[in-house]
Amino acid sequence: MEFWGQEPTLTLHLITKHLQDWFETYPNIRSLMFSTNTMAYPERIIDFIVKLDSILTKPFELTV
């Protein structure tokens, strides 16, 4: 899964809210990628990674 088209940190908090639902609906997600300049809302990236780590039970590749 990849996020492109804008600065992802602008909406990353909305995605973070629904991560559990996404992994329940799509259990075969094994990777995620997005590009950011990390200038806007770096705390949202941290929250996203913490949430992702709390729900993952299988190997996963995150590329930021």
Protein backbone atom coordinates (compact mmCIF):
# COMPACT_ATOMS: atom_id res chain seq x y z
CA MET A 1 0.00 0.00 0.00
CA GLU A 2 1.32 3.46 -0.87
CA PHE A 3 0.17 7.00 -0.08
CA TRP A 4 0.93 9.59 -2.76
CA GLY A 5 -0.48 12.85 -4.01
CA GLN A 6 0.03 15.27 -1.15
CA GLU A 7 1.95 15.71 2.06
CA PRO A 8 0.73 12.59 3.92
CA THR A 9 1.23 14.05 7.37
CA LEU A 10 -1.66 16.45 6.69
CA THR A 11 -4.11 13.53 6.88
CA LEU A 12 -2.05 10.82 8.58
CA HIS A 13 -3.97 11.20 11.85
CA LEU A 14 -7.17 10.22 10.00
CA ILE A 15 -5.50 7.12 8.59
CA THR A 16 -4.06 6.22 12.00
CA LYS A 17 -7.58 6.18 13.46
CA HIS A 18 -8.60 3.43 11.02
CA LEU A 19 -5.48 1.26 10.85
CA GLN A 20 -7.00 -1.53 12.92
CA ASP A 21 -10.01 -1.65 10.59
CA TRP A 22 -7.79 -1.76 7.50
CA PHE A 23 -5.75 -4.67 8.82
CA GLU A 24 -8.89 -6.58 9.75
CA THR A 25 -10.42 -5.96 6.32
CA TYR A 26 -7.18 -6.52 4.36
CA PRO A 27 -5.12 -9.02 6.37
CA ASN A 28 -2.58 -9.51 3.58
CA ILE A 29 -1.17 -5.98 3.77
CA ARG A 30 2.58 -6.53 4.19
CA SER A 31 4.05 -3.12 3.42
CA LEU A 32 3.30 0.56 3.38
CA MET A 33 5.17 3.43 1.79
CA PHE A 34 4.83 7.19 1.85
CA SER A 35 7.08 10.13 1.16
CA THR A 36 7.24 13.16 3.42
CA ASN A 37 9.51 16.09 4.04
CA THR A 38 8.79 15.55 7.79
CA MET A 39 8.34 19.28 8.23
CA ALA A 40 4.61 19.24 8.97
CA TYR A 41 3.28 17.34 11.98
CA PRO A 42 6.19 14.95 12.75
CA GLU A 43 4.21 13.84 15.83
CA ARG A 44 1.63 12.31 13.47
CA ILE A 45 4.32 10.08 11.99
CA ILE A 46 5.30 8.94 15.48
CA ASP A 47 1.66 8.28 16.43
CA PHE A 48 1.19 6.34 13.19
CA ILE A 49 4.24 4.15 13.81
CA VAL A 50 3.27 3.49 17.44
CA LYS A 51 -0.26 2.47 16.39
CA LEU A 52 1.07 0.32 13.56
CA ASP A 53 3.49 -1.42 15.91
CA SER A 54 0.71 -2.10 18.41
CA ILE A 55 -1.50 -3.95 15.89
CA LEU A 56 1.07 -5.83 13.81
CA THR A 57 1.57 -9.52 14.49
CA LYS A 58 3.43 -10.46 11.29
CA PRO A 59 6.55 -9.11 9.57
CA PHE A 60 5.84 -5.76 7.95
CA GLU A 61 7.81 -3.27 5.85
CA LEU A 62 7.29 0.44 6.43
CA THR A 63 9.12 2.86 4.14
CA VAL A 64 8.98 6.56 4.94
